[in-house]
Amino acid sequence: MRATRILLAIVVAGLLCGAPADARPLRGDPRLARNWEELDPGERERALRNFQRYRSLPESGRQRMDRSYESWQKLDKRERERVQRNYERYQRMSPDERRNFESRYKRWKGGKDR
């Protein structure tokens, strides 16, 4: 059961952001498949690649990903929707806009850690 939940998290994360990260589908969002049978062949292939990447991570990386998934589950529905909208906006950015965004984020994050 745990492996199935992890696979589902990776599948949805792959659908949300195209990289291995943990996420859970938003209820009622018709774009996100809730189980393997609902995925089209391209989404299944992507999900399997994400799962293989997850499995190849060292234990510490898998644990970090599991903690991220648990944190995602605890988010309020509106917060998950906000995160999803922000990510979709990021996906639409040009490469230059992304570099600019990432640079500003690193500066902001650097100031937060001090």
PDB file of N, CA and C in Angstrom:
ATOM      1  N   MET A   1       0.833  -1.191   0.000  1.00  0.00           N
ATOM      2  CA  MET A   1       0.000   0.000   0.000  1.00  0.00           C
ATOM      3  C   MET A   1       0.873   1.248   0.000  1.00  0.00           C
ATOM      4  N   ARG A   2       1.930   1.262   0.819  1.00  0.00           N
ATOM      5  CA  ARG A   2       2.813   2.425   0.886  1.00  0.00           C
ATOM      6  C   ARG A   2       3.464   2.682  -0.471  1.00  0.00           C
ATOM      7  N   ALA A   3       3.905   1.621  -1.140  1.00  0.00           N
ATOM      8  CA  ALA A   3       4.532   1.775  -2.457  1.00  0.00           C
ATOM      9  C   ALA A   3       3.537   2.344  -3.455  1.00  0.00           C
ATOM     10  N   THR A   4       2.275   1.919  -3.374  1.00  0.00           N
ATOM     11  CA  THR A   4       1.245   2.432  -4.276  1.00  0.00           C
ATOM     12  C   THR A   4       1.024   3.913  -4.033  1.00  0.00           C
ATOM     13  N   ARG A   5       0.982   4.321  -2.775  1.00  0.00           N
ATOM     14  CA  ARG A   5       0.788   5.735  -2.458  1.00  0.00           C
ATOM     15  C   ARG A   5       1.968   6.554  -2.938  1.00  0.00           C
ATOM     16  N   ILE A   6       3.159   6.026  -2.781  1.00  0.00           N
ATOM     17  CA  ILE A   6       4.350   6.739  -3.238  1.00  0.00           C
ATOM     18  C   ILE A   6       4.331   6.856  -4.756  1.00  0.00           C
ATOM     19  N   LEU A   7       3.974   5.774  -5.430  1.00  0.00           N
ATOM     20  CA  LEU A   7       3.891   5.815  -6.892  1.00  0.00           C
ATOM     21  C   LEU A   7       2.863   6.846  -7.328  1.00  0.00           C
ATOM     22  N   LEU A   8       1.704   6.869  -6.672  1.00  0.00           N
ATOM     23  CA  LEU A   8       0.677   7.851  -7.014  1.00  0.00           C
ATOM     24  C   LEU A   8       1.210   9.263  -6.805  1.00  0.00           C
ATOM     25  N   ALA A   9       1.919   9.484  -5.720  1.00  0.00           N
ATOM     26  CA  ALA A   9       2.485  10.805  -5.458  1.00  0.00           C
ATOM     27  C   ALA A   9       3.457  11.204  -6.555  1.00  0.00           C
ATOM     28  N   ILE A  10       4.282  10.273  -6.975  1.00  0.00           N
ATOM     29  CA  ILE A  10       5.268  10.567  -8.011  1.00  0.00           C
ATOM     30  C   ILE A  10       4.577  10.797  -9.346  1.00  0.00           C
ATOM     31  N   VAL A  11       3.562  10.007  -9.630  1.00  0.00           N
ATOM     32  CA  VAL A  11       2.802  10.187 -10.871  1.00  0.00           C
ATOM     33  C   VAL A  11       2.212  11.581 -10.918  1.00  0.00           C
ATOM     34  N   VAL A  12       1.539  11.956  -9.857  1.00  0.00           N
ATOM     35  CA  VAL A  12       0.892  13.266  -9.828  1.00  0.00           C
ATOM     36  C   VAL A  12       1.925  14.369  -9.841  1.00  0.00           C
ATOM     37  N   ALA A  13       3.009  14.175  -9.103  1.00  0.00           N
ATOM     38  CA  ALA A  13       4.068  15.186  -9.128  1.00  0.00           C
ATOM     39  C   ALA A  13       4.606  15.353 -10.542  1.00  0.00           C
ATOM     40  N   GLY A  14       4.796  14.255 -11.217  1.00  0.00           N
ATOM     41  CA  GLY A  14       5.262  14.333 -12.600  1.00  0.00           C
ATOM     42  C   GLY A  14       4.279  15.063 -13.479  1.00  0.00           C
ATOM     43  N   LEU A  15       3.007  14.828 -13.253  1.00  0.00           N
ATOM     44  CA  LEU A  15       1.995  15.527 -14.032  1.00  0.00           C
ATOM     45  C   LEU A  15       1.967  17.010 -13.680  1.00  0.00           C
ATOM     46  N   LEU A  16       2.197  17.313 -12.415  1.00  0.00           N
ATOM     47  CA  LEU A  16       2.166  18.707 -11.987  1.00  0.00           C
ATOM     48  C   LEU A  16       3.393  19.476 -12.428  1.00  0.00           C
ATOM     49  N   CYS A  17       4.543  18.853 -12.318  1.00  0.00           N
ATOM     50  CA  CYS A  17       5.737  19.650 -12.545  1.00  0.00           C
ATOM     51  C   CYS A  17       6.799  19.007 -13.405  1.00  0.00           C
ATOM     52  N   GLY A  18       6.592  17.823 -13.861  1.00  0.00           N
ATOM     53  CA  GLY A  18       7.545  17.226 -14.784  1.00  0.00           C
ATOM     54  C   GLY A  18       8.865  16.845 -14.161  1.00  0.00           C
ATOM     55  N   ALA A  19       8.939  16.825 -12.866  1.00  0.00           N
ATOM     56  CA  ALA A  19      10.166  16.445 -12.181  1.00  0.00           C
ATOM     57  C   ALA A  19       9.758  15.663 -10.943  1.00  0.00           C
ATOM     58  N   PRO A  20      10.618  14.816 -10.432  1.00  0.00           N
ATOM     59  CA  PRO A  20      10.228  14.078  -9.249  1.00  0.00           C
ATOM     60  C   PRO A  20      10.110  15.001  -8.048  1.00  0.00           C
ATOM     61  N   ALA A  21       8.925  15.128  -7.605  1.00  0.00           N
ATOM     62  CA  ALA A  21       8.613  15.906  -6.415  1.00  0.00           C
ATOM     63  C   ALA A  21       7.293  15.357  -5.925  1.00  0.00           C
ATOM     64  N   ASP A  22       7.012  15.531  -4.668  1.00  0.00           N
ATOM     65  CA  ASP A  22       5.788  14.959  -4.149  1.00  0.00           C
ATOM     66  C   ASP A  22       4.654  15.944  -4.210  1.00  0.00           C
ATOM     67  N   ALA A  23       3.523  15.434  -4.588  1.00  0.00           N
ATOM     68  CA  ALA A  23       2.305  16.210  -4.650  1.00  0.00           C
ATOM     69  C   ALA A  23       1.134  15.247  -4.611  1.00  0.00           C
ATOM     70  N   ARG A  24       0.004  15.794  -4.401  1.00  0.00           N
ATOM     71  CA  ARG A  24      -1.213  15.000  -4.397  1.00  0.00           C
ATOM     72  C   ARG A  24      -2.233  15.718  -5.249  1.00  0.00           C
ATOM     73  N   PRO A  25      -3.036  14.997  -6.020  1.00  0.00           N
ATOM     74  CA  PRO A  25      -3.989  15.671  -6.898  1.00  0.00           C
ATOM     75  C   PRO A  25      -5.007  16.473  -6.109  1.00  0.00           C
ATOM     76  N   LEU A  26      -5.407  17.586  -6.685  1.00  0.00           N
ATOM     77  CA  LEU A  26      -6.460  18.384  -6.094  1.00  0.00           C
ATOM     78  C   LEU A  26      -7.787  17.729  -6.424  1.00  0.00           C
ATOM     79  N   ARG A  27      -8.644  17.591  -5.443  1.00  0.00           N
ATOM     80  CA  ARG A  27      -9.940  16.962  -5.698  1.00  0.00           C
ATOM     81  C   ARG A  27     -10.720  17.791  -6.709  1.00  0.00           C
ATOM     82  N   GLY A  28     -11.336  17.097  -7.627  1.00  0.00           N
ATOM     83  CA  GLY A  28     -12.164  17.768  -8.602  1.00  0.00           C
ATOM     84  C   GLY A  28     -11.401  18.365  -9.771  1.00  0.00           C
ATOM     85  N   ASP A  29     -10.111  18.222  -9.809  1.00  0.00           N
ATOM     86  CA  ASP A  29      -9.330  18.758 -10.925  1.00  0.00           C
ATOM     87  C   ASP A  29      -9.351  17.723 -12.039  1.00  0.00           C
ATOM     88  N   PRO A  30     -10.088  17.985 -13.116  1.00  0.00           N
ATOM     89  CA  PRO A  30     -10.246  16.972 -14.159  1.00  0.00           C
ATOM     90  C   PRO A  30      -8.975  16.685 -14.938  1.00  0.00           C
ATOM     91  N   ARG A  31      -7.954  17.541 -14.846  1.00  0.00           N
ATOM     92  CA  ARG A  31      -6.706  17.318 -15.579  1.00  0.00           C
ATOM     93  C   ARG A  31      -5.865  16.225 -14.965  1.00  0.00           C
ATOM     94  N   LEU A  32      -6.095  15.900 -13.714  1.00  0.00           N
ATOM     95  CA  LEU A  32      -5.236  14.957 -13.006  1.00  0.00           C
ATOM     96  C   LEU A  32      -5.924  13.609 -12.867  1.00  0.00           C
ATOM     97  N   ALA A  33      -5.230  12.578 -13.305  1.00  0.00           N
ATOM     98  CA  ALA A  33      -5.754  11.218 -13.166  1.00  0.00           C
ATOM     99  C   ALA A  33      -5.612  10.786 -11.715  1.00  0.00           C
ATOM    100  N   ARG A  34      -6.572  10.025 -11.245  1.00  0.00           N
ATOM    101  CA  ARG A  34      -6.529   9.577  -9.863  1.00  0.00           C
ATOM    102  C   ARG A  34      -5.990   8.161  -9.744  1.00  0.00           C
ATOM    103  N   ASN A  35      -5.891   7.438 -10.843  1.00  0.00           N
ATOM    104  CA  ASN A  35      -5.305   6.102 -10.769  1.00  0.00           C
ATOM    105  C   ASN A  35      -4.639   5.763 -12.099  1.00  0.00           C
ATOM    106  N   TRP A  36      -3.890   4.683 -12.070  1.00  0.00           N
ATOM    107  CA  TRP A  36      -3.065   4.279 -13.208  1.00  0.00           C
ATOM    108  C   TRP A  36      -3.897   4.093 -14.483  1.00  0.00           C
ATOM    109  N   GLU A  37      -5.067   3.493 -14.346  1.00  0.00           N
ATOM    110  CA  GLU A  37      -5.894   3.200 -15.514  1.00  0.00           C
ATOM    111  C   GLU A  37      -6.350   4.473 -16.234  1.00  0.00           C
ATOM    112  N   GLU A  38      -6.429   5.578 -15.523  1.00  0.00           N
ATOM    113  CA  GLU A  38      -6.899   6.829 -16.118  1.00  0.00           C
ATOM    114  C   GLU A  38      -5.801   7.575 -16.863  1.00  0.00           C
ATOM    115  N   LEU A  39      -4.560   7.123 -16.744  1.00  0.00           N
ATOM    116  CA  LEU A  39      -3.457   7.804 -17.415  1.00  0.00           C
ATOM    117  C   LEU A  39      -3.371   7.392 -18.872  1.00  0.00           C
ATOM    118  N   ASP A  40      -3.057   8.363 -19.725  1.00  0.00           N
ATOM    119  CA  ASP A  40      -2.829   8.000 -21.119  1.00  0.00           C
ATOM    120  C   ASP A  40      -1.410   7.429 -21.236  1.00  0.00           C
ATOM    121  N   PRO A  41      -1.062   6.799 -22.356  1.00  0.00           N
ATOM    122  CA  PRO A  41       0.256   6.146 -22.469  1.00  0.00           C
ATOM    123  C   PRO A  41       1.439   7.090 -22.197  1.00  0.00           C
ATOM    124  N   GLY A  42       1.376   8.319 -22.648  1.00  0.00           N
ATOM    125  CA  GLY A  42       2.463   9.267 -22.393  1.00  0.00           C
ATOM    126  C   GLY A  42       2.613   9.575 -20.915  1.00  0.00           C
ATOM    127  N   GLU A  43       1.480   9.742 -20.234  1.00  0.00           N
ATOM    128  CA  GLU A  43       1.514  10.013 -18.798  1.00  0.00           C
ATOM    129  C   GLU A  43       2.028   8.802 -18.027  1.00  0.00           C
ATOM    130  N   ARG A  44       1.664   7.619 -18.485  1.00  0.00           N
ATOM    131  CA  ARG A  44       2.173   6.406 -17.827  1.00  0.00           C
ATOM    132  C   ARG A  44       3.688   6.305 -17.969  1.00  0.00           C
ATOM    133  N   GLU A  45       4.179   6.588 -19.160  1.00  0.00           N
ATOM    134  CA  GLU A  45       5.630   6.537 -19.377  1.00  0.00           C
ATOM    135  C   GLU A  45       6.340   7.546 -18.488  1.00  0.00           C
ATOM    136  N   ARG A  46       5.814   8.740 -18.425  1.00  0.00           N
ATOM    137  CA  ARG A  46       6.393   9.784 -17.571  1.00  0.00           C
ATOM    138  C   ARG A  46       6.347   9.376 -16.105  1.00  0.00           C
ATOM    139  N   ALA A  47       5.228   8.790 -15.694  1.00  0.00           N
ATOM    140  CA  ALA A  47       5.091   8.344 -14.310  1.00  0.00           C
ATOM    141  C   ALA A  47       6.117   7.262 -13.983  1.00  0.00           C
ATOM    142  N   LEU A  48       6.308   6.328 -14.902  1.00  0.00           N
ATOM    143  CA  LEU A  48       7.291   5.272 -14.658  1.00  0.00           C
ATOM    144  C   LEU A  48       8.703   5.840 -14.560  1.00  0.00           C
ATOM    145  N   ARG A  49       9.034   6.814 -15.421  1.00  0.00           N
ATOM    146  CA  ARG A  49      10.362   7.446 -15.330  1.00  0.00           C
ATOM    147  C   ARG A  49      10.529   8.134 -13.979  1.00  0.00           C
ATOM    148  N   ASN A  50       9.481   8.845 -13.540  1.00  0.00           N
ATOM    149  CA  ASN A  50       9.549   9.506 -12.237  1.00  0.00           C
ATOM    150  C   ASN A  50       9.713   8.488 -11.115  1.00  0.00           C
ATOM    151  N   PHE A  51       8.991   7.373 -11.210  1.00  0.00           N
ATOM    152  CA  PHE A  51       9.096   6.341 -10.182  1.00  0.00           C
ATOM    153  C   PHE A  51      10.488   5.728 -10.175  1.00  0.00           C
ATOM    154  N   GLN A  52      11.051   5.490 -11.361  1.00  0.00           N
ATOM    155  CA  GLN A  52      12.404   4.944 -11.441  1.00  0.00           C
ATOM    156  C   GLN A  52      13.415   5.919 -10.852  1.00  0.00           C
ATOM    157  N   ARG A  53      13.227   7.217 -11.109  1.00  0.00           N
ATOM    158  CA  ARG A  53      14.120   8.214 -10.501  1.00  0.00           C
ATOM    159  C   ARG A  53      13.999   8.190  -8.989  1.00  0.00           C
ATOM    160  N   TYR A  54      12.756   8.074  -8.490  1.00  0.00           N
ATOM    161  CA  TYR A  54      12.531   7.998  -7.052  1.00  0.00           C
ATOM    162  C   TYR A  54      13.254   6.788  -6.464  1.00  0.00           C
ATOM    163  N   ARG A  55      13.092   5.626  -7.115  1.00  0.00           N
ATOM    164  CA  ARG A  55      13.710   4.405  -6.620  1.00  0.00           C
ATOM    165  C   ARG A  55      15.235   4.479  -6.647  1.00  0.00           C
ATOM    166  N   SER A  56      15.778   5.267  -7.564  1.00  0.00           N
ATOM    167  CA  SER A  56      17.236   5.355  -7.671  1.00  0.00           C
ATOM    168  C   SER A  56      17.837   6.360  -6.679  1.00  0.00           C
ATOM    169  N   LEU A  57      16.990   7.132  -6.013  1.00  0.00           N
ATOM    170  CA  LEU A  57      17.493   8.088  -5.023  1.00  0.00           C
ATOM    171  C   LEU A  57      18.069   7.351  -3.823  1.00  0.00           C
ATOM    172  N   PRO A  58      19.036   7.962  -3.166  1.00  0.00           N
ATOM    173  CA  PRO A  58      19.487   7.374  -1.898  1.00  0.00           C
ATOM    174  C   PRO A  58      18.342   7.453  -0.884  1.00  0.00           C
ATOM    175  N   GLU A  59      18.430   6.664   0.146  1.00  0.00           N
ATOM    176  CA  GLU A  59      17.365   6.614   1.153  1.00  0.00           C
ATOM    177  C   GLU A  59      17.028   8.009   1.686  1.00  0.00           C
ATOM    178  N   SER A  60      18.034   8.834   1.900  1.00  0.00           N
ATOM    179  CA  SER A  60      17.770  10.181   2.425  1.00  0.00           C
ATOM    180  C   SER A  60      16.919  11.001   1.447  1.00  0.00           C
ATOM    181  N   GLY A  61      17.146  10.822   0.154  1.00  0.00           N
ATOM    182  CA  GLY A  61      16.356  11.531  -0.848  1.00  0.00           C
ATOM    183  C   GLY A  61      14.916  11.046  -0.868  1.00  0.00           C
ATOM    184  N   ARG A  62      14.729   9.742  -0.737  1.00  0.00           N
ATOM    185  CA  ARG A  62      13.365   9.199  -0.700  1.00  0.00           C
ATOM    186  C   ARG A  62      12.643   9.662   0.556  1.00  0.00           C
ATOM    187  N   GLN A  63      13.361   9.717   1.671  1.00  0.00           N
ATOM    188  CA  GLN A  63      12.741  10.182   2.911  1.00  0.00           C
ATOM    189  C   GLN A  63      12.342  11.646   2.801  1.00  0.00           C
ATOM    190  N   ARG A  64      13.203  12.449   2.184  1.00  0.00           N
ATOM    191  CA  ARG A  64      12.890  13.864   1.983  1.00  0.00           C
ATOM    192  C   ARG A  64      11.639  14.011   1.110  1.00  0.00           C
ATOM    193  N   MET A  65      11.567  13.194   0.078  1.00  0.00           N
ATOM    194  CA  MET A  65      10.412  13.231  -0.811  1.00  0.00           C
ATOM    195  C   MET A  65       9.149  12.788  -0.077  1.00  0.00           C
ATOM    196  N   ASP A  66       9.261  11.767   0.744  1.00  0.00           N
ATOM    197  CA  ASP A  66       8.117  11.304   1.528  1.00  0.00           C
ATOM    198  C   ASP A  66       7.627  12.406   2.469  1.00  0.00           C
ATOM    199  N   ARG A  67       8.560  13.109   3.106  1.00  0.00           N
ATOM    200  CA  ARG A  67       8.174  14.208   3.999  1.00  0.00           C
ATOM    201  C   ARG A  67       7.480  15.320   3.217  1.00  0.00           C
ATOM    202  N   SER A  68       7.966  15.586   2.011  1.00  0.00           N
ATOM    203  CA  SER A  68       7.324  16.604   1.172  1.00  0.00           C
ATOM    204  C   SER A  68       5.894  16.202   0.845  1.00  0.00           C
ATOM    205  N   TYR A  69       5.708  14.938   0.532  1.00  0.00           N
ATOM    206  CA  TYR A  69       4.367  14.436   0.223  1.00  0.00           C
ATOM    207  C   TYR A  69       3.449  14.597   1.424  1.00  0.00           C
ATOM    208  N   GLU A  70       3.948  14.243   2.596  1.00  0.00           N
ATOM    209  CA  GLU A  70       3.137  14.382   3.805  1.00  0.00           C
ATOM    210  C   GLU A  70       2.794  15.841   4.066  1.00  0.00           C
ATOM    211  N   SER A  71       3.733  16.737   3.837  1.00  0.00           N
ATOM    212  CA  SER A  71       3.466  18.171   4.003  1.00  0.00           C
ATOM    213  C   SER A  71       2.416  18.637   3.010  1.00  0.00           C
ATOM    214  N   TRP A  72       2.532  18.162   1.772  1.00  0.00           N
ATOM    215  CA  TRP A  72       1.557  18.537   0.740  1.00  0.00           C
ATOM    216  C   TRP A  72       0.153  18.100   1.151  1.00  0.00           C
ATOM    217  N   GLN A  73       0.035  16.899   1.713  1.00  0.00           N
ATOM    218  CA  GLN A  73      -1.270  16.396   2.137  1.00  0.00           C
ATOM    219  C   GLN A  73      -1.884  17.292   3.202  1.00  0.00           C
ATOM    220  N   LYS A  74      -1.058  17.891   4.035  1.00  0.00           N
ATOM    221  CA  LYS A  74      -1.554  18.704   5.141  1.00  0.00           C
ATOM    222  C   LYS A  74      -1.969  20.112   4.720  1.00  0.00           C
ATOM    223  N   LEU A  75      -1.594  20.522   3.508  1.00  0.00           N
ATOM    224  CA  LEU A  75      -1.952  21.857   3.059  1.00  0.00           C
ATOM    225  C   LEU A  75      -3.455  21.997   2.877  1.00  0.00           C
ATOM    226  N   ASP A  76      -3.941  23.174   3.165  1.00  0.00           N
ATOM    227  CA  ASP A  76      -5.327  23.522   2.902  1.00  0.00           C
ATOM    228  C   ASP A  76      -5.575  23.474   1.393  1.00  0.00           C
ATOM    229  N   LYS A  77      -6.770  23.120   0.999  1.00  0.00           N
ATOM    230  CA  LYS A  77      -7.105  23.006  -0.426  1.00  0.00           C
ATOM    231  C   LYS A  77      -6.781  24.303  -1.174  1.00  0.00           C
ATOM    232  N   ARG A  78      -7.104  25.444  -0.590  1.00  0.00           N
ATOM    233  CA  ARG A  78      -6.823  26.722  -1.263  1.00  0.00           C
ATOM    234  C   ARG A  78      -5.329  26.945  -1.437  1.00  0.00           C
ATOM    235  N   GLU A  79      -4.544  26.520  -0.459  1.00  0.00           N
ATOM    236  CA  GLU A  79      -3.094  26.669  -0.572  1.00  0.00           C
ATOM    237  C   GLU A  79      -2.550  25.769  -1.673  1.00  0.00           C
ATOM    238  N   ARG A  80      -3.042  24.540  -1.769  1.00  0.00           N
ATOM    239  CA  ARG A  80      -2.617  23.647  -2.855  1.00  0.00           C
ATOM    240  C   ARG A  80      -2.981  24.241  -4.208  1.00  0.00           C
ATOM    241  N   GLU A  81      -4.167  24.828  -4.300  1.00  0.00           N
ATOM    242  CA  GLU A  81      -4.587  25.463  -5.558  1.00  0.00           C
ATOM    243  C   GLU A  81      -3.683  26.642  -5.900  1.00  0.00           C
ATOM    244  N   ARG A  82      -3.302  27.426  -4.878  1.00  0.00           N
ATOM    245  CA  ARG A  82      -2.413  28.567  -5.099  1.00  0.00           C
ATOM    246  C   ARG A  82      -1.059  28.090  -5.601  1.00  0.00           C
ATOM    247  N   VAL A  83      -0.538  27.049  -4.986  1.00  0.00           N
ATOM    248  CA  VAL A  83       0.745  26.484  -5.410  1.00  0.00           C
ATOM    249  C   VAL A  83       0.638  25.993  -6.856  1.00  0.00           C
ATOM    250  N   GLN A  84      -0.459  25.326  -7.173  1.00  0.00           N
ATOM    251  CA  GLN A  84      -0.660  24.820  -8.540  1.00  0.00           C
ATOM    252  C   GLN A  84      -0.702  25.975  -9.545  1.00  0.00           C
ATOM    253  N   ARG A  85      -1.439  27.033  -9.225  1.00  0.00           N
ATOM    254  CA  ARG A  85      -1.502  28.190 -10.141  1.00  0.00           C
ATOM    255  C   ARG A  85      -0.126  28.811 -10.333  1.00  0.00           C
ATOM    256  N   ASN A  86       0.627  28.940  -9.244  1.00  0.00           N
ATOM    257  CA  ASN A  86       1.969  29.515  -9.348  1.00  0.00           C
ATOM    258  C   ASN A  86       2.867  28.643 -10.218  1.00  0.00           C
ATOM    259  N   TYR A  87       2.750  27.334 -10.053  1.00  0.00           N
ATOM    260  CA  TYR A  87       3.579  26.456 -10.870  1.00  0.00           C
ATOM    261  C   TYR A  87       3.188  26.547 -12.341  1.00  0.00           C
ATOM    262  N   GLU A  88       1.899  26.606 -12.612  1.00  0.00           N
ATOM    263  CA  GLU A  88       1.454  26.736 -14.004  1.00  0.00           C
ATOM    264  C   GLU A  88       1.975  28.035 -14.616  1.00  0.00           C
ATOM    265  N   ARG A  89       1.990  29.088 -13.831  1.00  0.00           N
ATOM    266  CA  ARG A  89       2.541  30.367 -14.310  1.00  0.00           C
ATOM    267  C   ARG A  89       4.037  30.206 -14.593  1.00  0.00           C
ATOM    268  N   TYR A  90       4.753  29.514 -13.715  1.00  0.00           N
ATOM    269  CA  TYR A  90       6.176  29.260 -13.912  1.00  0.00           C
ATOM    270  C   TYR A  90       6.404  28.463 -15.192  1.00  0.00           C
ATOM    271  N   GLN A  91       5.566  27.447 -15.438  1.00  0.00           N
ATOM    272  CA  GLN A  91       5.703  26.623 -16.635  1.00  0.00           C
ATOM    273  C   GLN A  91       5.559  27.435 -17.921  1.00  0.00           C
ATOM    274  N   ARG A  92       4.753  28.489 -17.889  1.00  0.00           N
ATOM    275  CA  ARG A  92       4.532  29.310 -19.076  1.00  0.00           C
ATOM    276  C   ARG A  92       5.644  30.329 -19.307  1.00  0.00           C
ATOM    277  N   MET A  93       6.560  30.472 -18.348  1.00  0.00           N
ATOM    278  CA  MET A  93       7.641  31.450 -18.489  1.00  0.00           C
ATOM    279  C   MET A  93       8.626  31.024 -19.573  1.00  0.00           C
ATOM    280  N   SER A  94       9.207  32.027 -20.200  1.00  0.00           N
ATOM    281  CA  SER A  94      10.280  31.762 -21.164  1.00  0.00           C
ATOM    282  C   SER A  94      11.538  31.373 -20.380  1.00  0.00           C
ATOM    283  N   PRO A  95      12.533  30.796 -21.041  1.00  0.00           N
ATOM    284  CA  PRO A  95      13.778  30.452 -20.330  1.00  0.00           C
ATOM    285  C   PRO A  95      14.414  31.662 -19.639  1.00  0.00           C
ATOM    286  N   ASP A  96      14.381  32.825 -20.292  1.00  0.00           N
ATOM    287  CA  ASP A  96      14.941  34.031 -19.658  1.00  0.00           C
ATOM    288  C   ASP A  96      14.148  34.424 -18.422  1.00  0.00           C
ATOM    289  N   GLU A  97      12.825  34.355 -18.514  1.00  0.00           N
ATOM    290  CA  GLU A  97      11.989  34.692 -17.360  1.00  0.00           C
ATOM    291  C   GLU A  97      12.237  33.712 -16.210  1.00  0.00           C
ATOM    292  N   ARG A  98      12.421  32.444 -16.545  1.00  0.00           N
ATOM    293  CA  ARG A  98      12.697  31.454 -15.497  1.00  0.00           C
ATOM    294  C   ARG A  98      14.023  31.735 -14.806  1.00  0.00           C
ATOM    295  N   ARG A  99      15.063  32.022 -15.587  1.00  0.00           N
ATOM    296  CA  ARG A  99      16.371  32.336 -14.984  1.00  0.00           C
ATOM    297  C   ARG A  99      16.263  33.546 -14.069  1.00  0.00           C
ATOM    298  N   ASN A 100      15.545  34.567 -14.518  1.00  0.00           N
ATOM    299  CA  ASN A 100      15.351  35.761 -13.713  1.00  0.00           C
ATOM    300  C   ASN A 100      14.596  35.424 -12.423  1.00  0.00           C
ATOM    301  N   PHE A 101      13.529  34.650 -12.554  1.00  0.00           N
ATOM    302  CA  PHE A 101      12.753  34.243 -11.396  1.00  0.00           C
ATOM    303  C   PHE A 101      13.615  33.450 -10.415  1.00  0.00           C
ATOM    304  N   GLU A 102      14.354  32.480 -10.933  1.00  0.00           N
ATOM    305  CA  GLU A 102      15.186  31.628 -10.073  1.00  0.00           C
ATOM    306  C   GLU A 102      16.272  32.438  -9.382  1.00  0.00           C
ATOM    307  N   SER A 103      16.835  33.402 -10.082  1.00  0.00           N
ATOM    308  CA  SER A 103      17.850  34.265  -9.488  1.00  0.00           C
ATOM    309  C   SER A 103      17.251  35.091  -8.344  1.00  0.00           C
ATOM    310  N   ARG A 104      16.086  35.679  -8.597  1.00  0.00           N
ATOM    311  CA  ARG A 104      15.422  36.458  -7.537  1.00  0.00           C
ATOM    312  C   ARG A 104      15.057  35.567  -6.357  1.00  0.00           C
ATOM    313  N   TYR A 105      14.591  34.350  -6.638  1.00  0.00           N
ATOM    314  CA  TYR A 105      14.222  33.427  -5.567  1.00  0.00           C
ATOM    315  C   TYR A 105      15.441  33.071  -4.718  1.00  0.00           C
ATOM    316  N   LYS A 106      16.570  32.794  -5.366  1.00  0.00           N
ATOM    317  CA  LYS A 106      17.781  32.447  -4.620  1.00  0.00           C
ATOM    318  C   LYS A 106      18.225  33.601  -3.726  1.00  0.00           C
ATOM    319  N   ARG A 107      18.135  34.830  -4.254  1.00  0.00           N
ATOM    320  CA  ARG A 107      18.482  35.994  -3.425  1.00  0.00           C
ATOM    321  C   ARG A 107      17.533  36.120  -2.244  1.00  0.00           C
ATOM    322  N   TRP A 108      16.227  35.933  -2.500  1.00  0.00           N
ATOM    323  CA  TRP A 108      15.232  36.023  -1.437  1.00  0.00           C
ATOM    324  C   TRP A 108      15.464  34.921  -0.408  1.00  0.00           C
ATOM    325  N   LYS A 109      15.683  33.709  -0.884  1.00  0.00           N
ATOM    326  CA  LYS A 109      15.890  32.571   0.010  1.00  0.00           C
ATOM    327  C   LYS A 109      17.164  32.759   0.818  1.00  0.00           C
ATOM    328  N   GLY A 110      18.206  33.291   0.190  1.00  0.00           N
ATOM    329  CA  GLY A 110      19.451  33.552   0.899  1.00  0.00           C
ATOM    330  C   GLY A 110      19.259  34.535   2.034  1.00  0.00           C
ATOM    331  N   GLY A 111      18.438  35.544   1.830  1.00  0.00           N
ATOM    332  CA  GLY A 111      18.145  36.517   2.878  1.00  0.00           C
ATOM    333  C   GLY A 111      17.309  35.930   3.983  1.00  0.00           C
ATOM    334  N   LYS A 112      16.463  34.946   3.681  1.00  0.00           N
ATOM    335  CA  LYS A 112      15.598  34.324   4.680  1.00  0.00           C
ATOM    336  C   LYS A 112      16.391  33.419   5.609  1.00  0.00           C
ATOM    337  N   ASP A 113      17.468  32.816   5.094  1.00  0.00           N
ATOM    338  CA  ASP A 113      18.238  31.870   5.891  1.00  0.00           C
ATOM    339  C   ASP A 113      19.213  32.565   6.846  1.00  0.00           C
ATOM    340  N   ARG A 114      19.440  33.808   6.629  1.00  0.00           N
ATOM    341  CA  ARG A 114      20.436  34.514   7.456  1.00  0.00           C
ATOM    342  C   ARG A 114      19.879  34.961   8.758  1.00  0.00           C
TER     343      ARG A 114
END
